[in-house]
Amino acid sequence: MNQKKGLRIGLTVLSVLGAVMSMPLVMFSPMMFDAPGSEENILTQFLFFSVLAFPVLCLAGGILPWVFRRHQLGIWLYALSGLAIGLLVSAFVLLDVMCSGDFSC
């Protein structure tokens, strides 16, 4: 097995595991809107949609590189999983900095 194929398999396993392990977070994400006034907070909405997009982007980042494996730049589709992590971290940081961690500010 060449090194590039081993890298693809490892990154696919990590992407799919990230998508599967994020399911409890997705299931409990509507509870972010339990606090009064949190449904109008744009940062809470950003966090909510980041949590919803996380497993979708991770699965896309795990499957699309195999679909486009003949294309020279197909390996860069694994960056979709990194984008999902970046969105989630930035949403958490923004909510923590701007609203002191409260869902309604």
PDB file of N, CA and C in Angstrom:
ATOM      1  N   MET A   1       0.857  -1.173   0.000  1.00  0.00           N
ATOM      2  CA  MET A   1       0.000   0.000   0.000  1.00  0.00           C
ATOM      3  C   MET A   1       0.900   1.232   0.000  1.00  0.00           C
ATOM      4  N   ASN A   2       0.635   2.121  -0.931  1.00  0.00           N
ATOM      5  CA  ASN A   2       1.458   3.319  -0.964  1.00  0.00           C
ATOM      6  C   ASN A   2       1.032   4.295   0.139  1.00  0.00           C
ATOM      7  N   GLN A   3       1.882   5.269   0.355  1.00  0.00           N
ATOM      8  CA  GLN A   3       1.672   6.190   1.472  1.00  0.00           C
ATOM      9  C   GLN A   3       0.426   7.048   1.280  1.00  0.00           C
ATOM     10  N   LYS A   4       0.120   7.445   0.059  1.00  0.00           N
ATOM     11  CA  LYS A   4      -1.033   8.304  -0.193  1.00  0.00           C
ATOM     12  C   LYS A   4      -2.349   7.569   0.097  1.00  0.00           C
ATOM     13  N   LYS A   5      -2.404   6.284  -0.232  1.00  0.00           N
ATOM     14  CA  LYS A   5      -3.619   5.512   0.028  1.00  0.00           C
ATOM     15  C   LYS A   5      -3.802   5.303   1.530  1.00  0.00           C
ATOM     16  N   GLY A   6      -2.737   5.067   2.259  1.00  0.00           N
ATOM     17  CA  GLY A   6      -2.820   4.940   3.706  1.00  0.00           C
ATOM     18  C   GLY A   6      -3.277   6.229   4.360  1.00  0.00           C
ATOM     19  N   LEU A   7      -2.802   7.354   3.840  1.00  0.00           N
ATOM     20  CA  LEU A   7      -3.237   8.656   4.344  1.00  0.00           C
ATOM     21  C   LEU A   7      -4.723   8.863   4.086  1.00  0.00           C
ATOM     22  N   ARG A   8      -5.186   8.478   2.906  1.00  0.00           N
ATOM     23  CA  ARG A   8      -6.610   8.603   2.582  1.00  0.00           C
ATOM     24  C   ARG A   8      -7.471   7.750   3.514  1.00  0.00           C
ATOM     25  N   ILE A   9      -7.044   6.535   3.775  1.00  0.00           N
ATOM     26  CA  ILE A   9      -7.821   5.655   4.652  1.00  0.00           C
ATOM     27  C   ILE A   9      -7.865   6.214   6.068  1.00  0.00           C
ATOM     28  N   GLY A  10      -6.739   6.675   6.564  1.00  0.00           N
ATOM     29  CA  GLY A  10      -6.696   7.243   7.912  1.00  0.00           C
ATOM     30  C   GLY A  10      -7.553   8.484   8.049  1.00  0.00           C
ATOM     31  N   LEU A  11      -7.478   9.379   7.072  1.00  0.00           N
ATOM     32  CA  LEU A  11      -8.294  10.594   7.133  1.00  0.00           C
ATOM     33  C   LEU A  11      -9.778  10.290   6.988  1.00  0.00           C
ATOM     34  N   THR A  12     -10.113   9.283   6.209  1.00  0.00           N
ATOM     35  CA  THR A  12     -11.521   8.886   6.072  1.00  0.00           C
ATOM     36  C   THR A  12     -12.053   8.334   7.385  1.00  0.00           C
ATOM     37  N   VAL A  13     -11.262   7.498   8.033  1.00  0.00           N
ATOM     38  CA  VAL A  13     -11.687   6.939   9.318  1.00  0.00           C
ATOM     39  C   VAL A  13     -11.887   8.051  10.340  1.00  0.00           C
ATOM     40  N   LEU A  14     -10.964   9.015  10.391  1.00  0.00           N
ATOM     41  CA  LEU A  14     -11.113  10.139  11.322  1.00  0.00           C
ATOM     42  C   LEU A  14     -12.347  10.978  11.010  1.00  0.00           C
ATOM     43  N   SER A  15     -12.607  11.217   9.741  1.00  0.00           N
ATOM     44  CA  SER A  15     -13.771  12.018   9.359  1.00  0.00           C
ATOM     45  C   SER A  15     -15.078  11.328   9.731  1.00  0.00           C
ATOM     46  N   VAL A  16     -15.167  10.043   9.445  1.00  0.00           N
ATOM     47  CA  VAL A  16     -16.396   9.307   9.760  1.00  0.00           C
ATOM     48  C   VAL A  16     -16.574   9.176  11.269  1.00  0.00           C
ATOM     49  N   LEU A  17     -15.492   8.952  12.004  1.00  0.00           N
ATOM     50  CA  LEU A  17     -15.592   8.901  13.463  1.00  0.00           C
ATOM     51  C   LEU A  17     -16.031  10.243  14.040  1.00  0.00           C
ATOM     52  N   GLY A  18     -15.530  11.327  13.472  1.00  0.00           N
ATOM     53  CA  GLY A  18     -15.964  12.652  13.925  1.00  0.00           C
ATOM     54  C   GLY A  18     -17.441  12.871  13.687  1.00  0.00           C
ATOM     55  N   ALA A  19     -17.945  12.413  12.552  1.00  0.00           N
ATOM     56  CA  ALA A  19     -19.371  12.561  12.253  1.00  0.00           C
ATOM     57  C   ALA A  19     -20.224  11.721  13.191  1.00  0.00           C
ATOM     58  N   VAL A  20     -19.788  10.498  13.457  1.00  0.00           N
ATOM     59  CA  VAL A  20     -20.566   9.603  14.326  1.00  0.00           C
ATOM     60  C   VAL A  20     -20.546  10.106  15.767  1.00  0.00           C
ATOM     61  N   MET A  21     -19.389  10.564  16.223  1.00  0.00           N
ATOM     62  CA  MET A  21     -19.277  11.000  17.613  1.00  0.00           C
ATOM     63  C   MET A  21     -19.953  12.346  17.868  1.00  0.00           C
ATOM     64  N   SER A  22     -20.276  13.077  16.821  1.00  0.00           N
ATOM     65  CA  SER A  22     -20.950  14.368  17.011  1.00  0.00           C
ATOM     66  C   SER A  22     -22.466  14.230  17.082  1.00  0.00           C
ATOM     67  N   MET A  23     -22.988  13.038  16.897  1.00  0.00           N
ATOM     68  CA  MET A  23     -24.439  12.868  16.900  1.00  0.00           C
ATOM     69  C   MET A  23     -25.105  13.237  18.227  1.00  0.00           C
ATOM     70  N   PRO A  24     -24.551  12.891  19.401  1.00  0.00           N
ATOM     71  CA  PRO A  24     -25.199  13.369  20.641  1.00  0.00           C
ATOM     72  C   PRO A  24     -25.237  14.890  20.737  1.00  0.00           C
ATOM     73  N   LEU A  25     -24.203  15.553  20.247  1.00  0.00           N
ATOM     74  CA  LEU A  25     -24.194  17.015  20.247  1.00  0.00           C
ATOM     75  C   LEU A  25     -25.293  17.560  19.340  1.00  0.00           C
ATOM     76  N   VAL A  26     -25.497  16.921  18.214  1.00  0.00           N
ATOM     77  CA  VAL A  26     -26.552  17.341  17.288  1.00  0.00           C
ATOM     78  C   VAL A  26     -27.929  17.107  17.896  1.00  0.00           C
ATOM     79  N   MET A  27     -28.091  15.985  18.592  1.00  0.00           N
ATOM     80  CA  MET A  27     -29.405  15.672  19.179  1.00  0.00           C
ATOM     81  C   MET A  27     -29.797  16.675  20.252  1.00  0.00           C
ATOM     82  N   PHE A  28     -28.832  17.159  21.013  1.00  0.00           N
ATOM     83  CA  PHE A  28     -29.146  18.077  22.105  1.00  0.00           C
ATOM     84  C   PHE A  28     -28.985  19.544  21.718  1.00  0.00           C
ATOM     85  N   SER A  29     -28.661  19.835  20.483  1.00  0.00           N
ATOM     86  CA  SER A  29     -28.459  21.224  20.075  1.00  0.00           C
ATOM     87  C   SER A  29     -29.725  22.085  20.130  1.00  0.00           C
ATOM     88  N   PRO A  30     -30.935  21.570  19.925  1.00  0.00           N
ATOM     89  CA  PRO A  30     -32.105  22.450  20.066  1.00  0.00           C
ATOM     90  C   PRO A  30     -32.286  23.000  21.485  1.00  0.00           C
ATOM     91  N   MET A  31     -31.665  22.371  22.468  1.00  0.00           N
ATOM     92  CA  MET A  31     -31.805  22.853  23.839  1.00  0.00           C
ATOM     93  C   MET A  31     -31.045  24.151  24.083  1.00  0.00           C
ATOM     94  N   MET A  32     -30.255  24.585  23.108  1.00  0.00           N
ATOM     95  CA  MET A  32     -29.587  25.885  23.226  1.00  0.00           C
ATOM     96  C   MET A  32     -30.600  27.018  23.245  1.00  0.00           C
ATOM     97  N   PHE A  33     -31.762  26.777  22.698  1.00  0.00           N
ATOM     98  CA  PHE A  33     -32.769  27.819  22.599  1.00  0.00           C
ATOM     99  C   PHE A  33     -33.756  27.804  23.763  1.00  0.00           C
ATOM    100  N   ASP A  34     -33.444  27.086  24.839  1.00  0.00           N
ATOM    101  CA  ASP A  34     -34.317  27.052  26.017  1.00  0.00           C
ATOM    102  C   ASP A  34     -34.256  28.345  26.826  1.00  0.00           C
ATOM    103  N   ALA A  35     -33.132  29.015  26.816  1.00  0.00           N
ATOM    104  CA  ALA A  35     -32.996  30.258  27.582  1.00  0.00           C
ATOM    105  C   ALA A  35     -33.852  31.344  26.946  1.00  0.00           C
ATOM    106  N   PRO A  36     -34.532  32.146  27.773  1.00  0.00           N
ATOM    107  CA  PRO A  36     -35.359  33.221  27.214  1.00  0.00           C
ATOM    108  C   PRO A  36     -34.513  34.228  26.441  1.00  0.00           C
ATOM    109  N   GLY A  37     -34.926  34.530  25.240  1.00  0.00           N
ATOM    110  CA  GLY A  37     -34.224  35.491  24.397  1.00  0.00           C
ATOM    111  C   GLY A  37     -33.128  34.883  23.543  1.00  0.00           C
ATOM    112  N   SER A  38     -32.859  33.610  23.705  1.00  0.00           N
ATOM    113  CA  SER A  38     -31.764  33.004  22.942  1.00  0.00           C
ATOM    114  C   SER A  38     -32.130  32.780  21.479  1.00  0.00           C
ATOM    115  N   GLU A  39     -33.421  32.727  21.171  1.00  0.00           N
ATOM    116  CA  GLU A  39     -33.800  32.503  19.773  1.00  0.00           C
ATOM    117  C   GLU A  39     -33.537  33.726  18.897  1.00  0.00           C
ATOM    118  N   GLU A  40     -33.357  34.902  19.494  1.00  0.00           N
ATOM    119  CA  GLU A  40     -33.030  36.104  18.717  1.00  0.00           C
ATOM    120  C   GLU A  40     -31.530  36.341  18.635  1.00  0.00           C
ATOM    121  N   ASN A  41     -30.735  35.614  19.396  1.00  0.00           N
ATOM    122  CA  ASN A  41     -29.291  35.824  19.424  1.00  0.00           C
ATOM    123  C   ASN A  41     -28.650  35.197  18.188  1.00  0.00           C
ATOM    124  N   ILE A  42     -27.979  36.016  17.406  1.00  0.00           N
ATOM    125  CA  ILE A  42     -27.378  35.548  16.158  1.00  0.00           C
ATOM    126  C   ILE A  42     -26.209  34.593  16.425  1.00  0.00           C
ATOM    127  N   LEU A  43     -25.502  34.770  17.533  1.00  0.00           N
ATOM    128  CA  LEU A  43     -24.382  33.888  17.845  1.00  0.00           C
ATOM    129  C   LEU A  43     -24.860  32.494  18.250  1.00  0.00           C
ATOM    130  N   THR A  44     -25.989  32.433  18.938  1.00  0.00           N
ATOM    131  CA  THR A  44     -26.558  31.129  19.275  1.00  0.00           C
ATOM    132  C   THR A  44     -27.027  30.416  18.017  1.00  0.00           C
ATOM    133  N   GLN A  45     -27.593  31.163  17.099  1.00  0.00           N
ATOM    134  CA  GLN A  45     -28.012  30.572  15.828  1.00  0.00           C
ATOM    135  C   GLN A  45     -26.804  30.095  15.022  1.00  0.00           C
ATOM    136  N   PHE A  46     -25.731  30.870  15.053  1.00  0.00           N
ATOM    137  CA  PHE A  46     -24.501  30.467  14.362  1.00  0.00           C
ATOM    138  C   PHE A  46     -23.938  29.177  14.960  1.00  0.00           C
ATOM    139  N   LEU A  47     -23.949  29.075  16.276  1.00  0.00           N
ATOM    140  CA  LEU A  47     -23.492  27.853  16.935  1.00  0.00           C
ATOM    141  C   LEU A  47     -24.398  26.679  16.583  1.00  0.00           C
ATOM    142  N   PHE A  48     -25.697  26.909  16.572  1.00  0.00           N
ATOM    143  CA  PHE A  48     -26.655  25.850  16.244  1.00  0.00           C
ATOM    144  C   PHE A  48     -26.415  25.308  14.832  1.00  0.00           C
ATOM    145  N   PHE A  49     -26.268  26.197  13.873  1.00  0.00           N
ATOM    146  CA  PHE A  49     -26.071  25.738  12.498  1.00  0.00           C
ATOM    147  C   PHE A  49     -24.674  25.159  12.290  1.00  0.00           C
ATOM    148  N   SER A  50     -23.702  25.600  13.077  1.00  0.00           N
ATOM    149  CA  SER A  50     -22.372  24.990  13.012  1.00  0.00           C
ATOM    150  C   SER A  50     -22.415  23.560  13.532  1.00  0.00           C
ATOM    151  N   VAL A  51     -23.176  23.340  14.597  1.00  0.00           N
ATOM    152  CA  VAL A  51     -23.318  21.992  15.147  1.00  0.00           C
ATOM    153  C   VAL A  51     -24.054  21.095  14.148  1.00  0.00           C
ATOM    154  N   LEU A  52     -25.067  21.627  13.493  1.00  0.00           N
ATOM    155  CA  LEU A  52     -25.798  20.829  12.497  1.00  0.00           C
ATOM    156  C   LEU A  52     -24.947  20.523  11.264  1.00  0.00           C
ATOM    157  N   ALA A  53     -24.085  21.446  10.888  1.00  0.00           N
ATOM    158  CA  ALA A  53     -23.263  21.248   9.699  1.00  0.00           C
ATOM    159  C   ALA A  53     -22.071  20.335   9.958  1.00  0.00           C
ATOM    160  N   PHE A  54     -21.698  20.149  11.217  1.00  0.00           N
ATOM    161  CA  PHE A  54     -20.499  19.378  11.536  1.00  0.00           C
ATOM    162  C   PHE A  54     -20.531  17.949  10.983  1.00  0.00           C
ATOM    163  N   PRO A  55     -21.558  17.138  11.282  1.00  0.00           N
ATOM    164  CA  PRO A  55     -21.520  15.768  10.741  1.00  0.00           C
ATOM    165  C   PRO A  55     -21.659  15.720   9.225  1.00  0.00           C
ATOM    166  N   VAL A  56     -22.373  16.667   8.645  1.00  0.00           N
ATOM    167  CA  VAL A  56     -22.534  16.689   7.189  1.00  0.00           C
ATOM    168  C   VAL A  56     -21.197  16.975   6.514  1.00  0.00           C
ATOM    169  N   LEU A  57     -20.487  17.980   7.031  1.00  0.00           N
ATOM    170  CA  LEU A  57     -19.193  18.313   6.445  1.00  0.00           C
ATOM    171  C   LEU A  57     -18.164  17.214   6.689  1.00  0.00           C
ATOM    172  N   CYS A  58     -18.226  16.578   7.854  1.00  0.00           N
ATOM    173  CA  CYS A  58     -17.294  15.474   8.126  1.00  0.00           C
ATOM    174  C   CYS A  58     -17.546  14.292   7.194  1.00  0.00           C
ATOM    175  N   LEU A  59     -18.808  13.956   6.988  1.00  0.00           N
ATOM    176  CA  LEU A  59     -19.112  12.856   6.057  1.00  0.00           C
ATOM    177  C   LEU A  59     -18.728  13.211   4.625  1.00  0.00           C
ATOM    178  N   ALA A  60     -18.994  14.450   4.237  1.00  0.00           N
ATOM    179  CA  ALA A  60     -18.594  14.874   2.894  1.00  0.00           C
ATOM    180  C   ALA A  60     -17.077  14.861   2.758  1.00  0.00           C
ATOM    181  N   GLY A  61     -16.385  15.252   3.827  1.00  0.00           N
ATOM    182  CA  GLY A  61     -14.928  15.226   3.798  1.00  0.00           C
ATOM    183  C   GLY A  61     -14.359  13.820   3.824  1.00  0.00           C
ATOM    184  N   GLY A  62     -15.153  12.849   4.217  1.00  0.00           N
ATOM    185  CA  GLY A  62     -14.687  11.474   4.206  1.00  0.00           C
ATOM    186  C   GLY A  62     -15.045  10.709   2.944  1.00  0.00           C
ATOM    187  N   ILE A  63     -16.111  11.121   2.285  1.00  0.00           N
ATOM    188  CA  ILE A  63     -16.597  10.384   1.114  1.00  0.00           C
ATOM    189  C   ILE A  63     -16.135  11.000  -0.207  1.00  0.00           C
ATOM    190  N   LEU A  64     -16.204  12.330  -0.313  1.00  0.00           N
ATOM    191  CA  LEU A  64     -15.879  12.987  -1.589  1.00  0.00           C
ATOM    192  C   LEU A  64     -14.448  12.756  -2.070  1.00  0.00           C
ATOM    193  N   PRO A  65     -13.447  12.683  -1.190  1.00  0.00           N
ATOM    194  CA  PRO A  65     -12.104  12.388  -1.723  1.00  0.00           C
ATOM    195  C   PRO A  65     -12.004  11.026  -2.398  1.00  0.00           C
ATOM    196  N   TRP A  66     -12.826  10.074  -1.997  1.00  0.00           N
ATOM    197  CA  TRP A  66     -12.819   8.772  -2.662  1.00  0.00           C
ATOM    198  C   TRP A  66     -13.554   8.843  -3.995  1.00  0.00           C
ATOM    199  N   VAL A  67     -14.571   9.687  -4.070  1.00  0.00           N
ATOM    200  CA  VAL A  67     -15.288   9.856  -5.337  1.00  0.00           C
ATOM    201  C   VAL A  67     -14.378  10.517  -6.374  1.00  0.00           C
ATOM    202  N   PHE A  68     -13.607  11.508  -5.923  1.00  0.00           N
ATOM    203  CA  PHE A  68     -12.722  12.248  -6.827  1.00  0.00           C
ATOM    204  C   PHE A  68     -11.261  11.830  -6.655  1.00  0.00           C
ATOM    205  N   ARG A  69     -11.010  10.559  -6.402  1.00  0.00           N
ATOM    206  CA  ARG A  69      -9.649  10.114  -6.130  1.00  0.00           C
ATOM    207  C   ARG A  69      -8.749  10.181  -7.362  1.00  0.00           C
ATOM    208  N   ARG A  70      -9.323  10.170  -8.541  1.00  0.00           N
ATOM    209  CA  ARG A  70      -8.523  10.274  -9.760  1.00  0.00           C
ATOM    210  C   ARG A  70      -8.089  11.714 -10.031  1.00  0.00           C
ATOM    211  N   HIS A  71      -8.817  12.648  -9.471  1.00  0.00           N
ATOM    212  CA  HIS A  71      -8.466  14.049  -9.660  1.00  0.00           C
ATOM    213  C   HIS A  71      -7.252  14.376  -8.810  1.00  0.00           C
ATOM    214  N   GLN A  72      -6.394  15.202  -9.323  1.00  0.00           N
ATOM    215  CA  GLN A  72      -5.136  15.501  -8.647  1.00  0.00           C
ATOM    216  C   GLN A  72      -5.338  16.221  -7.314  1.00  0.00           C
ATOM    217  N   LEU A  73      -6.320  17.075  -7.229  1.00  0.00           N
ATOM    218  CA  LEU A  73      -6.550  17.846  -6.009  1.00  0.00           C
ATOM    219  C   LEU A  73      -7.654  17.265  -5.135  1.00  0.00           C
ATOM    220  N   GLY A  74      -8.055  16.023  -5.390  1.00  0.00           N
ATOM    221  CA  GLY A  74      -9.123  15.390  -4.628  1.00  0.00           C
ATOM    222  C   GLY A  74      -8.791  15.194  -3.159  1.00  0.00           C
ATOM    223  N   ILE A  75      -7.512  15.087  -2.832  1.00  0.00           N
ATOM    224  CA  ILE A  75      -7.113  14.883  -1.438  1.00  0.00           C
ATOM    225  C   ILE A  75      -7.429  16.116  -0.594  1.00  0.00           C
ATOM    226  N   TRP A  76      -7.540  17.272  -1.226  1.00  0.00           N
ATOM    227  CA  TRP A  76      -7.837  18.506  -0.499  1.00  0.00           C
ATOM    228  C   TRP A  76      -9.277  18.576  -0.022  1.00  0.00           C
ATOM    229  N   LEU A  77     -10.133  17.659  -0.460  1.00  0.00           N
ATOM    230  CA  LEU A  77     -11.515  17.635   0.021  1.00  0.00           C
ATOM    231  C   LEU A  77     -11.606  17.186   1.474  1.00  0.00           C
ATOM    232  N   TYR A  78     -10.525  16.617   2.001  1.00  0.00           N
ATOM    233  CA  TYR A  78     -10.496  16.303   3.430  1.00  0.00           C
ATOM    234  C   TYR A  78     -10.517  17.580   4.271  1.00  0.00           C
ATOM    235  N   ALA A  79     -10.241  18.708   3.660  1.00  0.00           N
ATOM    236  CA  ALA A  79     -10.279  19.985   4.373  1.00  0.00           C
ATOM    237  C   ALA A  79     -11.696  20.349   4.793  1.00  0.00           C
ATOM    238  N   LEU A  80     -12.702  19.695   4.236  1.00  0.00           N
ATOM    239  CA  LEU A  80     -14.080  19.943   4.679  1.00  0.00           C
ATOM    240  C   LEU A  80     -14.256  19.573   6.151  1.00  0.00           C
ATOM    241  N   SER A  81     -13.583  18.538   6.597  1.00  0.00           N
ATOM    242  CA  SER A  81     -13.633  18.180   8.014  1.00  0.00           C
ATOM    243  C   SER A  81     -12.954  19.250   8.857  1.00  0.00           C
ATOM    244  N   GLY A  82     -11.869  19.792   8.365  1.00  0.00           N
ATOM    245  CA  GLY A  82     -11.207  20.898   9.055  1.00  0.00           C
ATOM    246  C   GLY A  82     -12.067  22.147   9.090  1.00  0.00           C
ATOM    247  N   LEU A  83     -12.805  22.380   8.010  1.00  0.00           N
ATOM    248  CA  LEU A  83     -13.731  23.511   7.983  1.00  0.00           C
ATOM    249  C   LEU A  83     -14.816  23.345   9.030  1.00  0.00           C
ATOM    250  N   ALA A  84     -15.309  22.128   9.194  1.00  0.00           N
ATOM    251  CA  ALA A  84     -16.334  21.855  10.206  1.00  0.00           C
ATOM    252  C   ALA A  84     -15.799  22.130  11.603  1.00  0.00           C
ATOM    253  N   ILE A  85     -14.583  21.700  11.873  1.00  0.00           N
ATOM    254  CA  ILE A  85     -13.974  21.954  13.174  1.00  0.00           C
ATOM    255  C   ILE A  85     -13.757  23.446  13.373  1.00  0.00           C
ATOM    256  N   GLY A  86     -13.305  24.131  12.349  1.00  0.00           N
ATOM    257  CA  GLY A  86     -13.090  25.575  12.438  1.00  0.00           C
ATOM    258  C   GLY A  86     -14.374  26.344  12.707  1.00  0.00           C
ATOM    259  N   LEU A  87     -15.458  25.964  12.033  1.00  0.00           N
ATOM    260  CA  LEU A  87     -16.747  26.622  12.275  1.00  0.00           C
ATOM    261  C   LEU A  87     -17.219  26.421  13.705  1.00  0.00           C
ATOM    262  N   LEU A  88     -17.103  25.207  14.199  1.00  0.00           N
ATOM    263  CA  LEU A  88     -17.559  24.897  15.547  1.00  0.00           C
ATOM    264  C   LEU A  88     -16.725  25.622  16.596  1.00  0.00           C
ATOM    265  N   VAL A  89     -15.421  25.630  16.434  1.00  0.00           N
ATOM    266  CA  VAL A  89     -14.552  26.311  17.401  1.00  0.00           C
ATOM    267  C   VAL A  89     -14.782  27.818  17.362  1.00  0.00           C
ATOM    268  N   SER A  90     -14.909  28.382  16.170  1.00  0.00           N
ATOM    269  CA  SER A  90     -15.138  29.825  16.080  1.00  0.00           C
ATOM    270  C   SER A  90     -16.492  30.213  16.669  1.00  0.00           C
ATOM    271  N   ALA A  91     -17.504  29.377  16.512  1.00  0.00           N
ATOM    272  CA  ALA A  91     -18.814  29.674  17.103  1.00  0.00           C
ATOM    273  C   ALA A  91     -18.738  29.642  18.624  1.00  0.00           C
ATOM    274  N   PHE A  92     -18.040  28.635  19.180  1.00  0.00           N
ATOM    275  CA  PHE A  92     -17.877  28.567  20.635  1.00  0.00           C
ATOM    276  C   PHE A  92     -17.100  29.764  21.166  1.00  0.00           C
ATOM    277  N   VAL A  93     -16.025  30.130  20.482  1.00  0.00           N
ATOM    278  CA  VAL A  93     -15.202  31.255  20.939  1.00  0.00           C
ATOM    279  C   VAL A  93     -15.975  32.562  20.846  1.00  0.00           C
ATOM    280  N   LEU A  94     -16.684  32.780  19.754  1.00  0.00           N
ATOM    281  CA  LEU A  94     -17.477  34.004  19.621  1.00  0.00           C
ATOM    282  C   LEU A  94     -18.542  34.104  20.698  1.00  0.00           C
ATOM    283  N   LEU A  95     -19.217  33.018  20.974  1.00  0.00           N
ATOM    284  CA  LEU A  95     -20.250  33.025  22.014  1.00  0.00           C
ATOM    285  C   LEU A  95     -19.633  33.275  23.382  1.00  0.00           C
ATOM    286  N   ASP A  96     -18.459  32.719  23.619  1.00  0.00           N
ATOM    287  CA  ASP A  96     -17.803  32.912  24.910  1.00  0.00           C
ATOM    288  C   ASP A  96     -17.294  34.336  25.071  1.00  0.00           C
ATOM    289  N   VAL A  97     -16.736  34.912  24.027  1.00  0.00           N
ATOM    290  CA  VAL A  97     -16.166  36.254  24.112  1.00  0.00           C
ATOM    291  C   VAL A  97     -17.264  37.320  24.115  1.00  0.00           C
ATOM    292  N   MET A  98     -18.214  37.198  23.212  1.00  0.00           N
ATOM    293  CA  MET A  98     -19.215  38.262  23.050  1.00  0.00           C
ATOM    294  C   MET A  98     -20.324  38.183  24.099  1.00  0.00           C
ATOM    295  N   CYS A  99     -20.699  36.985  24.535  1.00  0.00           N
ATOM    296  CA  CYS A  99     -21.832  36.840  25.432  1.00  0.00           C
ATOM    297  C   CYS A  99     -21.459  36.188  26.767  1.00  0.00           C
ATOM    298  N   SER A 100     -20.191  36.043  27.051  1.00  0.00           N
ATOM    299  CA  SER A 100     -19.703  35.407  28.280  1.00  0.00           C
ATOM    300  C   SER A 100     -20.248  33.988  28.433  1.00  0.00           C
ATOM    301  N   GLY A 101     -20.450  33.303  27.339  1.00  0.00           N
ATOM    302  CA  GLY A 101     -20.917  31.919  27.381  1.00  0.00           C
ATOM    303  C   GLY A 101     -22.402  31.762  27.519  1.00  0.00           C
ATOM    304  N   ASP A 102     -23.158  32.840  27.612  1.00  0.00           N
ATOM    305  CA  ASP A 102     -24.615  32.756  27.730  1.00  0.00           C
ATOM    306  C   ASP A 102     -25.223  32.635  26.339  1.00  0.00           C
ATOM    307  N   PHE A 103     -26.265  31.833  26.250  1.00  0.00           N
ATOM    308  CA  PHE A 103     -26.945  31.707  24.970  1.00  0.00           C
ATOM    309  C   PHE A 103     -27.867  32.888  24.689  1.00  0.00           C
ATOM    310  N   SER A 104     -28.229  33.622  25.700  1.00  0.00           N
ATOM    311  CA  SER A 104     -29.070  34.809  25.504  1.00  0.00           C
ATOM    312  C   SER A 104     -28.332  36.018  26.062  1.00  0.00           C
ATOM    313  N   CYS A 105     -27.900  36.867  25.156  1.00  0.00           N
ATOM    314  CA  CYS A 105     -27.221  38.093  25.601  1.00  0.00           C
ATOM    315  C   CYS A 105     -27.750  39.281  24.827  1.00  0.00           C
TER     316      CYS A 105
END
